[in-house]
Amino acid sequence: MAGPAGRGHSPRLASTRGYPAGRERAPEGGNARIRHAHSPCGVQVGMLRHAVASAGPGARTDIAAHECPATTRPASEQEGPAMDWGDTPEQEDFRMSVRSFIQERLPDYYRGEAYERRRVEDAEQDWQWEMMHGSDEARSAAQEWSDALAEHGWNAPNWPTEYGGSGLSTMEQFILKQELGSAHAPEVGGGNGIPQIGPTLLVHGTDEQKEKFLGPTLRGEMLWAQGYSEPGAGSDLASLQTRAIRDGDEYVINGQKMWTSTAHKSNYLFGMFRTDPDAPKHRGITFMVMEMTEPGITVRPIVAMDWRHATNETFFEDMRVPVDQVIGEVNRGWYVGMTLLDFERSGIAGAAAQRETLAETVETIQADAIPNRGHQLRSEIAERAIEIEVNNNLAMRIASMQASGLIPNYEASMGKAYTTELEQRLARTGMKTFGLYSGLWDADDERSPLRSAHTRTYVSSVVMTIAGGSSEIQRNIIATRGLGLPRG
């Protein structure tokens, strides 16, 4: 299931202010470059723990031997290399070109307080949805922005150029997303289409399927829903039971999907269906795509506790899907679906938005708008600041692995679990900071702190540790794939 976690951000705020005066802010997205991989001081805690785990139960590992020696010398004078978070000259040039592009080409519709208010009130609304379902003004702005991005292939930065993407390197994609986020510009490739089913088709699709689906998805003509979870198959997704039975050149589908992301907005759906009930549960599953306007499919809304309608129940009753809309091999759809989840999880990184939210909270305290609250909460706020930088490091680690051609499997699970749980802790800190005023939901109420950002995140973040794979599932992945622990 995709949802707010797939987005991985707090409601964005209009302010562009950074940390308080006198404090240096870490470079907004530089790239961690360890100039000497074998330096003892370059050993990260996570890497060291992994080394200990890999040593085996009978091995002796002296962690203290790996610690950096205490020193009072400036970092520039210490022996050995330092970690460099800055951009390379080429990356800095690219960052500046993206920043200039946004300044020149972002439509007025996506600027200013009016747009920020819309973002707070409906975080699910993106330019692709507005292109198909928005007002005349929204559709015009969405088309203008899509055309501008398409000039550089930036509406699908992770797609190869032959399919309309930009072929950007992993770090260039990271920089592009950072700059768009910092400018509060509509995100690139929102929803389930460009970032999820697109890369999955590129890996598993036939040439005919790529031709049929990639172009319309890129142009915003196909909006995709995700059909994974079922009433009895959520965290244990492989227990899904929605049947697809072959009948000539078609499959006939019967059953129910739950938490179907954006099904009420979409005209296509991808999902996993049981084609062989006698096979082991991870086998006998087939990945298919289908048009939602065909007979036999019914969508019923699920309204969340934050009053947003982002997910649905979806019912299939003798719905027919052509055989040529099977993606990958029949009965091997579990592995296709897991490829897609890796794309979904690896895209989650909300450190920049979290940093901004915390900075505005701190500024409110510094302005003495909340007497005595700063003293009461300063340790907790400092802890959130540390955690936000840890979250940024996790995001950078995932990006650097992808840049090296590695698949961040359990590392993506670390990032997903950490950023969503941090989102909840950050929201709780904000609620404590503003006290009873945190109960105000109306973003336009002048008494509402930070346009109700903490209030809305406090409510919406509940689902973040469930959507896209629960935190418990992420920890299982980390334990088995990352640490080599037995399944239990």
Protein backbone atom coordinates (compact mmCIF):
# COMPACT_ATOMS: atom_id res chain seq x y z
CA MET A 1 0.00 0.00 0.00
CA ALA A 2 1.24 3.44 -0.81
CA GLY A 3 0.23 6.41 1.25
CA PRO A 4 1.62 9.35 3.17
CA ALA A 5 4.69 7.34 3.97
CA GLY A 6 5.44 7.02 0.30
CA ARG A 7 5.63 10.76 0.28
CA GLY A 8 7.66 11.04 3.43
CA HIS A 9 7.13 14.70 4.30
CA SER A 10 5.42 17.04 6.70
CA PRO A 11 3.01 19.64 5.35
CA ARG A 12 5.40 22.12 3.83
CA LEU A 13 5.56 25.63 5.20
CA ALA A 14 5.90 28.94 3.43
CA SER A 15 8.92 30.09 5.40
CA THR A 16 12.35 29.60 3.89
CA ARG A 17 14.14 30.51 7.11
CA GLY A 18 16.80 28.12 8.34
CA TYR A 19 18.29 27.45 11.74
CA PRO A 20 18.58 30.28 14.25
CA ALA A 21 21.23 32.94 13.77
CA GLY A 22 24.66 31.95 14.96
CA ARG A 23 24.19 28.29 14.03
CA GLU A 24 25.60 26.94 10.82
CA ARG A 25 23.18 24.93 8.78
CA ALA A 26 24.53 21.79 7.18
CA PRO A 27 24.81 22.07 3.40
CA GLU A 28 21.35 21.33 2.09
CA GLY A 29 22.20 18.28 0.18
CA GLY A 30 25.78 17.79 -0.29
CA ASN A 31 27.12 14.39 -1.02
CA ALA A 32 28.95 12.41 1.60
CA ARG A 33 32.35 11.59 0.18
CA ILE A 34 34.76 9.63 2.38
CA ARG A 35 38.13 10.39 0.90
CA HIS A 36 39.84 7.39 2.51
CA ALA A 37 37.55 4.45 3.04
CA HIS A 38 39.89 2.73 5.50
CA SER A 39 40.33 5.59 7.95
CA PRO A 40 39.35 4.45 11.48
CA CYS A 41 37.56 7.76 12.02
CA GLY A 42 35.48 7.08 8.94
CA VAL A 43 33.89 3.98 10.44
CA GLN A 44 30.21 4.68 11.02
CA VAL A 45 28.29 3.16 13.89
CA GLY A 46 26.01 1.21 11.57
CA MET A 47 28.94 -0.20 9.62
CA LEU A 48 30.70 -1.19 12.84
CA ARG A 49 27.65 -2.94 14.20
CA HIS A 50 27.27 -4.80 10.92
CA ALA A 51 30.90 -5.91 11.22
CA VAL A 52 30.26 -7.18 14.75
CA ALA A 53 27.14 -9.05 13.62
CA SER A 54 29.04 -10.60 10.72
CA ALA A 55 31.82 -11.80 13.03
CA GLY A 56 29.62 -14.56 14.38
CA PRO A 57 28.58 -15.49 17.91
CA GLY A 58 31.95 -16.92 18.90
CA ALA A 59 34.11 -14.09 17.68
CA ARG A 60 35.60 -11.41 19.93
CA THR A 61 35.34 -7.87 18.63
CA ASP A 62 36.94 -4.96 20.46
CA ILE A 63 34.73 -2.01 19.56
CA ALA A 64 36.91 0.38 21.52
CA ALA A 65 39.80 -0.39 19.20
CA HIS A 66 37.84 1.18 16.37
CA GLU A 67 37.04 4.41 18.19
CA CYS A 68 38.67 7.62 17.05
CA PRO A 69 41.31 8.88 19.48
CA ALA A 70 40.38 11.88 21.56
CA THR A 71 41.93 15.08 20.27
CA THR A 72 41.59 18.78 20.73
CA ARG A 73 43.09 19.68 17.37
CA PRO A 74 40.89 21.27 14.71
CA ALA A 75 39.46 18.79 12.22
CA SER A 76 41.56 20.34 9.45
CA GLU A 77 44.75 19.47 11.37
CA GLN A 78 43.84 15.95 12.41
CA GLU A 79 45.50 13.05 10.69
CA GLY A 80 43.42 11.18 8.18
CA PRO A 81 40.63 12.32 5.91
CA ALA A 82 37.34 13.97 6.79
CA MET A 83 33.88 13.27 5.46
CA ASP A 84 32.90 15.88 2.89
CA TRP A 85 29.19 16.70 2.61
CA GLY A 86 29.66 19.25 -0.15
CA ASP A 87 28.77 18.93 -3.81
CA THR A 88 31.41 18.22 -6.38
CA PRO A 89 31.95 21.16 -8.77
CA GLU A 90 29.83 19.38 -11.37
CA GLN A 91 27.04 18.74 -8.88
CA GLU A 92 27.14 22.34 -7.69
CA ASP A 93 26.74 23.51 -11.30
CA PHE A 94 23.78 21.18 -11.70
CA ARG A 95 22.23 22.41 -8.45
CA MET A 96 22.50 26.01 -9.59
CA SER A 97 20.95 25.19 -12.96
CA VAL A 98 17.99 23.48 -11.26
CA ARG A 99 17.55 26.41 -8.88
CA SER A 100 17.56 28.87 -11.78
CA PHE A 101 15.11 26.72 -13.73
CA ILE A 102 12.64 26.66 -10.83
CA GLN A 103 12.90 30.40 -10.33
CA GLU A 104 12.21 31.07 -14.00
CA ARG A 105 9.68 28.38 -14.92
CA LEU A 106 7.59 27.51 -11.86
CA PRO A 107 4.02 28.76 -12.58
CA ASP A 108 2.61 31.41 -10.26
CA TYR A 109 -0.16 28.96 -9.34
CA TYR A 110 2.42 26.99 -7.34
CA ARG A 111 3.88 29.97 -5.49
CA GLY A 112 2.89 31.95 -2.42
CA GLU A 113 0.56 31.54 0.51
CA ALA A 114 -2.43 30.32 -1.49
CA TYR A 115 -0.54 27.32 -2.79
CA GLU A 116 0.97 26.56 0.63
CA ARG A 117 -2.50 26.54 2.10
CA ARG A 118 -3.65 24.06 -0.54
CA ARG A 119 -0.65 21.87 0.20
CA VAL A 120 -1.41 21.83 3.93
CA GLU A 121 -5.06 21.04 3.34
CA ASP A 122 -4.55 18.34 0.70
CA ALA A 123 -1.07 16.81 0.63
CA GLU A 124 -2.31 14.12 -1.77
CA GLN A 125 -2.98 16.64 -4.52
CA ASP A 126 -0.14 16.81 -7.06
CA TRP A 127 0.36 18.24 -10.52
CA GLN A 128 -0.50 14.98 -12.28
CA TRP A 129 -3.85 14.75 -10.53
CA GLU A 130 -4.57 18.42 -11.19
CA MET A 131 -3.79 17.94 -14.88
CA MET A 132 -6.70 15.53 -15.18
CA HIS A 133 -9.13 16.51 -12.45
CA GLY A 134 -8.37 20.06 -11.33
CA SER A 135 -9.99 23.40 -12.13
CA ASP A 136 -9.22 25.16 -15.40
CA GLU A 137 -6.53 27.19 -13.61
CA ALA A 138 -5.06 24.07 -12.01
CA ARG A 139 -5.01 22.10 -15.27
CA SER A 140 -3.35 24.96 -17.11
CA ALA A 141 -0.63 25.33 -14.45
CA ALA A 142 -0.07 21.58 -14.27
CA GLN A 143 0.35 21.34 -18.03
CA GLU A 144 2.73 24.30 -18.05
CA TRP A 145 4.84 22.76 -15.29
CA SER A 146 4.81 19.32 -16.91
CA ASP A 147 5.94 20.77 -20.23
CA ALA A 148 8.74 22.71 -18.53
CA LEU A 149 10.00 19.62 -16.71
CA ALA A 150 9.73 17.52 -19.86
CA GLU A 151 12.13 19.82 -21.70
CA HIS A 152 14.87 18.35 -19.50
CA GLY A 153 13.31 14.95 -18.86
CA TRP A 154 12.93 15.95 -15.23
CA ASN A 155 9.38 14.69 -14.85
CA ALA A 156 10.94 11.19 -14.90
CA PRO A 157 14.52 11.75 -13.76
CA ASN A 158 15.13 8.05 -13.05
CA TRP A 159 13.95 6.89 -16.47
CA PRO A 160 16.36 6.43 -19.40
CA THR A 161 16.31 9.07 -22.12
CA GLU A 162 14.86 6.71 -24.74
CA TYR A 163 11.64 6.57 -22.72
CA GLY A 164 11.38 10.29 -22.07
CA GLY A 165 13.41 10.49 -18.90
CA SER A 166 16.54 12.47 -18.25
CA GLY A 167 18.97 9.67 -17.44
CA LEU A 168 20.25 11.65 -14.46
CA SER A 169 22.75 10.07 -12.15
CA THR A 170 21.50 9.04 -8.73
CA MET A 171 23.08 12.06 -7.06
CA GLU A 172 21.66 14.41 -9.68
CA GLN A 173 18.21 12.96 -9.00
CA PHE A 174 18.79 13.55 -5.30
CA ILE A 175 19.80 17.17 -5.94
CA LEU A 176 16.80 17.75 -8.22
CA LYS A 177 14.39 16.50 -5.56
CA GLN A 178 16.10 18.59 -2.87
CA GLU A 179 15.84 21.79 -4.88
CA LEU A 180 12.21 21.17 -5.81
CA GLY A 181 11.44 20.47 -2.16
CA SER A 182 13.26 23.57 -0.94
CA ALA A 183 11.28 25.71 -3.40
CA HIS A 184 8.03 23.93 -2.44
CA ALA A 185 7.57 23.13 -6.11
CA PRO A 186 5.30 20.19 -6.99
CA GLU A 187 7.24 16.99 -6.61
CA VAL A 188 8.60 15.18 -9.61
CA GLY A 189 6.79 12.02 -10.57
CA GLY A 190 4.25 12.01 -7.78
CA GLY A 191 1.76 9.24 -7.16
CA ASN A 192 2.21 5.60 -8.09
CA GLY A 193 3.02 6.06 -11.78
CA ILE A 194 6.37 7.60 -12.63
CA PRO A 195 8.31 6.56 -9.51
CA GLN A 196 6.83 3.05 -9.08
CA ILE A 197 5.11 1.28 -11.97
CA GLY A 198 7.33 3.09 -14.49
CA PRO A 199 10.64 1.66 -13.21
CA THR A 200 8.94 -1.71 -12.68
CA LEU A 201 7.87 -1.82 -16.33
CA LEU A 202 11.37 -0.84 -17.38
CA VAL A 203 12.72 -3.88 -15.52
CA HIS A 204 9.99 -6.48 -16.15
CA GLY A 205 7.80 -5.19 -18.99
CA THR A 206 7.85 -6.32 -22.61
CA ASP A 207 8.65 -3.85 -25.37
CA GLU A 208 4.95 -3.69 -26.23
CA GLN A 209 4.01 -2.97 -22.60
CA LYS A 210 6.62 -0.24 -22.34
CA GLU A 211 5.30 1.32 -25.53
CA LYS A 212 1.70 1.14 -24.32
CA PHE A 213 2.09 2.40 -20.76
CA LEU A 214 5.23 4.47 -20.27
CA GLY A 215 4.47 7.38 -22.60
CA PRO A 216 0.92 8.04 -21.31
CA THR A 217 2.13 7.69 -17.72
CA LEU A 218 4.86 10.24 -18.35
CA ARG A 219 2.39 12.69 -19.91
CA GLY A 220 0.01 12.35 -16.98
CA GLU A 221 -2.66 10.63 -19.06
CA MET A 222 -2.52 7.50 -16.92
CA LEU A 223 -2.94 7.83 -13.16
CA TRP A 224 -2.20 4.62 -11.30
CA ALA A 225 -3.73 2.99 -8.24
CA GLN A 226 -1.89 0.31 -6.28
CA GLY A 227 -3.77 -2.92 -5.54
CA TYR A 228 -1.78 -4.91 -2.98
CA SER A 229 -3.33 -5.22 0.48
CA GLU A 230 -6.47 -7.24 1.17
CA PRO A 231 -8.68 -7.70 4.26
CA GLY A 232 -6.62 -10.76 5.24
CA ALA A 233 -3.32 -9.79 3.64
CA GLY A 234 -1.67 -6.64 4.86
CA SER A 235 1.68 -7.08 6.56
CA ASP A 236 1.57 -10.71 5.43
CA LEU A 237 0.98 -9.65 1.86
CA ALA A 238 1.83 -13.05 0.38
CA SER A 239 -1.40 -14.39 1.92
CA LEU A 240 -3.46 -12.46 -0.65
CA GLN A 241 -6.46 -14.37 -2.02
CA THR A 242 -8.00 -12.26 -4.80
CA ARG A 243 -8.26 -14.83 -7.61
CA ALA A 244 -7.36 -14.47 -11.26
CA ILE A 245 -8.46 -17.49 -13.33
CA ARG A 246 -7.35 -17.90 -16.94
CA ASP A 247 -10.19 -18.00 -19.48
CA GLY A 248 -8.82 -18.05 -23.01
CA ASP A 249 -6.95 -14.82 -23.69
CA GLU A 250 -8.16 -13.21 -20.47
CA TYR A 251 -7.99 -13.56 -16.72
CA VAL A 252 -11.22 -13.32 -14.73
CA ILE A 253 -10.68 -11.59 -11.39
CA ASN A 254 -12.81 -11.90 -8.26
CA GLY A 255 -12.05 -10.63 -4.78
CA GLN A 256 -11.30 -7.49 -2.80
CA LYS A 257 -8.37 -5.15 -2.26
CA MET A 258 -8.03 -2.83 0.74
CA TRP A 259 -6.30 0.53 1.15
CA THR A 260 -6.11 0.91 -2.62
CA SER A 261 -4.13 4.11 -2.96
CA THR A 262 -5.70 6.84 -5.15
CA ALA A 263 -8.16 4.41 -6.79
CA HIS A 264 -10.81 7.16 -6.80
CA LYS A 265 -8.51 9.38 -8.88
CA SER A 266 -6.94 6.80 -11.15
CA ASN A 267 -7.81 5.26 -14.50
CA TYR A 268 -5.38 2.33 -14.23
CA LEU A 269 -4.44 -0.09 -11.48
CA PHE A 270 -1.49 -2.41 -10.93
CA GLY A 271 -1.57 -5.21 -8.42
CA MET A 272 -0.85 -8.80 -7.44
CA PHE A 273 -3.40 -11.59 -7.81
CA ARG A 274 -3.55 -15.29 -6.89
CA THR A 275 -3.29 -17.41 -10.04
CA ASP A 276 -2.28 -20.74 -8.45
CA PRO A 277 -3.93 -21.37 -5.07
CA ASP A 278 -2.11 -24.71 -4.69
CA ALA A 279 1.39 -23.23 -4.88
CA PRO A 280 3.37 -21.99 -1.85
CA LYS A 281 2.04 -18.58 -0.91
CA HIS A 282 4.97 -16.58 -2.31
CA ARG A 283 4.49 -18.40 -5.59
CA GLY A 284 1.27 -18.64 -7.51
CA ILE A 285 0.97 -14.82 -7.53
CA THR A 286 0.86 -12.86 -10.79
CA PHE A 287 1.41 -9.14 -11.32
CA MET A 288 -1.11 -7.44 -13.64
CA VAL A 289 -2.18 -4.00 -14.79
CA MET A 290 -5.74 -3.10 -15.74
CA GLU A 291 -7.97 -0.26 -16.80
CA MET A 292 -10.32 0.84 -14.03
CA THR A 293 -13.08 1.90 -16.40
CA GLU A 294 -13.70 -1.72 -17.42
CA PRO A 295 -16.82 -3.51 -16.09
CA GLY A 296 -16.52 -5.52 -12.91
CA ILE A 297 -14.59 -3.13 -10.67
CA THR A 298 -16.13 -1.06 -7.86
CA VAL A 299 -14.34 1.52 -5.69
CA ARG A 300 -15.60 2.45 -2.23
CA PRO A 301 -13.90 5.35 -0.35
CA ILE A 302 -12.06 5.06 2.96
CA VAL A 303 -11.84 8.42 4.75
CA ALA A 304 -8.96 8.57 7.22
CA MET A 305 -8.96 10.13 10.68
CA ASP A 306 -7.54 13.34 9.18
CA TRP A 307 -10.64 13.54 6.94
CA ARG A 308 -8.60 12.93 3.82
CA HIS A 309 -9.69 10.47 1.18
CA ALA A 310 -6.52 8.84 -0.13
CA THR A 311 -7.32 5.13 0.00
CA ASN A 312 -10.22 2.88 -0.92
CA GLU A 313 -11.78 -0.55 -0.89
CA THR A 314 -11.77 -2.05 -4.37
CA PHE A 315 -14.05 -4.94 -5.35
CA PHE A 316 -13.59 -7.20 -8.38
CA GLU A 317 -16.54 -9.16 -9.74
CA ASP A 318 -15.80 -11.17 -12.88
CA MET A 319 -13.51 -8.42 -14.13
CA ARG A 320 -11.67 -9.45 -17.29
CA VAL A 321 -8.04 -8.55 -17.90
CA PRO A 322 -6.23 -9.41 -21.15
CA VAL A 323 -3.37 -11.88 -20.81
CA ASP A 324 -0.97 -9.40 -22.41
CA GLN A 325 -1.36 -7.16 -19.35
CA VAL A 326 0.51 -9.59 -17.13
CA ILE A 327 3.84 -8.03 -16.13
CA GLY A 328 6.67 -10.53 -15.82
CA GLU A 329 6.13 -14.27 -15.56
CA VAL A 330 2.87 -15.90 -14.53
CA ASN A 331 3.06 -17.11 -10.91
CA ARG A 332 6.21 -15.03 -10.37
CA GLY A 333 4.44 -11.77 -9.60
CA TRP A 334 5.65 -11.65 -6.00
CA TYR A 335 9.15 -10.83 -7.21
CA VAL A 336 7.86 -8.17 -9.60
CA GLY A 337 5.91 -6.63 -6.73
CA MET A 338 8.92 -6.63 -4.45
CA THR A 339 10.89 -4.78 -7.11
CA LEU A 340 8.23 -2.09 -7.01
CA LEU A 341 8.32 -1.87 -3.21
CA ASP A 342 12.08 -1.36 -3.35
CA PHE A 343 11.48 1.62 -5.66
CA GLU A 344 8.79 2.92 -3.30
CA ARG A 345 10.86 2.62 -0.13
CA SER A 346 14.07 3.95 -1.61
CA GLY A 347 12.33 7.21 -2.48
CA ILE A 348 11.37 8.09 1.09
CA ALA A 349 13.43 10.92 2.56
CA GLY A 350 11.82 13.76 4.48
CA ALA A 351 14.77 15.31 6.30
CA ALA A 352 14.59 18.70 4.55
CA ALA A 353 10.90 19.23 5.35
CA GLN A 354 11.41 17.97 8.90
CA ARG A 355 14.33 20.34 9.37
CA GLU A 356 12.23 23.27 8.23
CA THR A 357 9.33 22.35 10.49
CA LEU A 358 11.63 22.15 13.51
CA ALA A 359 13.32 25.43 12.59
CA GLU A 360 10.00 27.29 12.56
CA THR A 361 9.08 25.74 15.90
CA VAL A 362 12.37 26.95 17.37
CA GLU A 363 11.87 30.44 15.96
CA THR A 364 8.44 30.66 17.57
CA ILE A 365 9.96 29.80 20.94
CA GLN A 366 12.80 32.29 20.43
CA ALA A 367 10.26 35.01 19.70
CA ASP A 368 8.95 34.39 23.23
CA ALA A 369 5.56 33.59 21.83
CA ILE A 370 5.43 30.66 24.24
CA PRO A 371 6.84 31.79 27.62
CA ASN A 372 8.97 29.22 29.49
CA ARG A 373 8.27 26.54 26.89
CA GLY A 374 11.79 26.66 25.46
CA HIS A 375 13.36 25.74 28.79
CA GLN A 376 10.92 22.90 29.30
CA LEU A 377 11.41 21.36 25.87
CA ARG A 378 14.92 22.26 24.82
CA SER A 379 16.35 18.78 25.41
CA GLU A 380 13.54 17.20 23.45
CA ILE A 381 13.89 19.71 20.62
CA ALA A 382 17.65 19.12 20.53
CA GLU A 383 17.00 15.41 20.29
CA ARG A 384 14.68 15.97 17.31
CA ALA A 385 17.40 18.07 15.64
CA ILE A 386 19.90 15.23 16.06
CA GLU A 387 17.43 12.71 14.70
CA ILE A 388 16.69 14.84 11.65
CA GLU A 389 20.37 14.90 10.74
CA VAL A 390 20.57 11.12 11.27
CA ASN A 391 17.61 10.81 8.91
CA ASN A 392 19.42 12.92 6.35
CA ASN A 393 22.47 10.66 6.68
CA LEU A 394 20.32 7.59 6.06
CA ALA A 395 18.86 9.20 2.95
CA MET A 396 22.34 10.10 1.72
CA ARG A 397 23.55 6.55 2.36
CA ILE A 398 20.73 5.14 0.24
CA ALA A 399 21.47 7.62 -2.54
CA SER A 400 25.19 6.86 -2.44
CA MET A 401 24.52 3.12 -2.63
CA GLN A 402 22.28 3.60 -5.65
CA ALA A 403 24.96 5.77 -7.22
CA SER A 404 27.38 2.87 -6.79
CA GLY A 405 25.02 0.43 -8.49
CA LEU A 406 23.97 -1.28 -5.26
CA ILE A 407 20.39 -2.11 -4.30
CA PRO A 408 19.54 -0.53 -0.91
CA ASN A 409 17.29 -3.31 0.26
CA TYR A 410 17.47 -3.42 4.06
CA GLU A 411 18.97 0.08 4.07
CA ALA A 412 15.77 1.35 2.44
CA SER A 413 13.84 -0.35 5.23
CA MET A 414 16.00 1.48 7.76
CA GLY A 415 15.21 4.77 6.07
CA LYS A 416 11.50 4.05 5.83
CA ALA A 417 11.13 2.99 9.46
CA TYR A 418 13.28 5.82 10.80
CA THR A 419 11.77 8.72 8.85
CA THR A 420 8.15 7.73 9.52
CA GLU A 421 8.70 7.16 13.24
CA LEU A 422 10.62 10.43 13.43
CA GLU A 423 7.68 12.15 11.76
CA GLN A 424 5.50 11.01 14.64
CA ARG A 425 8.00 12.10 17.30
CA LEU A 426 8.43 15.48 15.63
CA ALA A 427 4.66 15.98 15.55
CA ARG A 428 4.37 15.09 19.25
CA THR A 429 7.10 17.59 20.10
CA GLY A 430 5.24 20.25 18.14
CA MET A 431 1.99 19.45 19.93
CA LYS A 432 3.73 19.80 23.30
CA THR A 433 5.29 23.08 22.22
CA PHE A 434 2.05 24.77 21.28
CA GLY A 435 -0.15 23.18 23.93
CA LEU A 436 -3.90 23.60 23.59
CA TYR A 437 -3.48 25.72 20.46
CA SER A 438 -2.30 22.54 18.75
CA GLY A 439 -5.91 21.42 18.68
CA LEU A 440 -6.78 24.05 16.07
CA TRP A 441 -7.28 22.37 12.71
CA ASP A 442 -8.13 25.36 10.49
CA ALA A 443 -4.95 26.47 8.73
CA ASP A 444 -6.47 29.92 8.15
CA ASP A 445 -7.16 30.55 11.83
CA GLU A 446 -4.61 33.17 12.94
CA ARG A 447 -4.28 31.38 16.27
CA SER A 448 -3.33 28.13 14.54
CA PRO A 449 0.41 27.48 15.09
CA LEU A 450 2.37 27.20 11.84
CA ARG A 451 -0.88 26.90 9.88
CA SER A 452 -1.79 23.74 11.80
CA ALA A 453 1.23 21.89 10.39
CA HIS A 454 1.97 19.95 13.59
CA THR A 455 -1.72 19.29 14.17
CA ARG A 456 -2.26 17.77 10.76
CA THR A 457 0.98 15.80 10.85
CA TYR A 458 0.12 14.48 14.32
CA VAL A 459 -3.03 12.95 12.85
CA SER A 460 -1.77 11.93 9.41
CA SER A 461 1.52 10.46 10.65
CA VAL A 462 -0.31 7.65 12.46
CA VAL A 463 -0.61 5.77 9.17
CA MET A 464 2.95 6.49 8.05
CA THR A 465 4.41 3.61 10.05
CA ILE A 466 1.90 1.24 8.41
CA ALA A 467 1.62 2.40 4.79
CA GLY A 468 4.21 1.06 2.38
CA GLY A 469 5.15 -1.70 4.82
CA SER A 470 4.76 -1.43 8.58
CA SER A 471 7.65 -0.64 10.90
CA GLU A 472 7.47 -4.21 12.20
CA ILE A 473 7.92 -5.54 8.67
CA GLN A 474 10.82 -3.14 8.09
CA ARG A 475 12.53 -4.40 11.24
CA ASN A 476 12.08 -7.99 10.10
CA ILE A 477 13.77 -7.08 6.80
CA ILE A 478 16.62 -5.36 8.64
CA ALA A 479 17.05 -8.35 10.97
CA THR A 480 17.03 -11.05 8.29
CA ARG A 481 18.55 -9.35 5.24
CA GLY A 482 20.76 -6.86 7.01
CA LEU A 483 21.97 -8.68 10.11
CA GLY A 484 21.57 -12.27 8.95
CA LEU A 485 19.38 -13.21 11.90
CA PRO A 486 17.13 -16.27 11.58
CA ARG A 487 13.47 -15.85 10.85
CA GLY A 488 11.38 -16.24 13.94
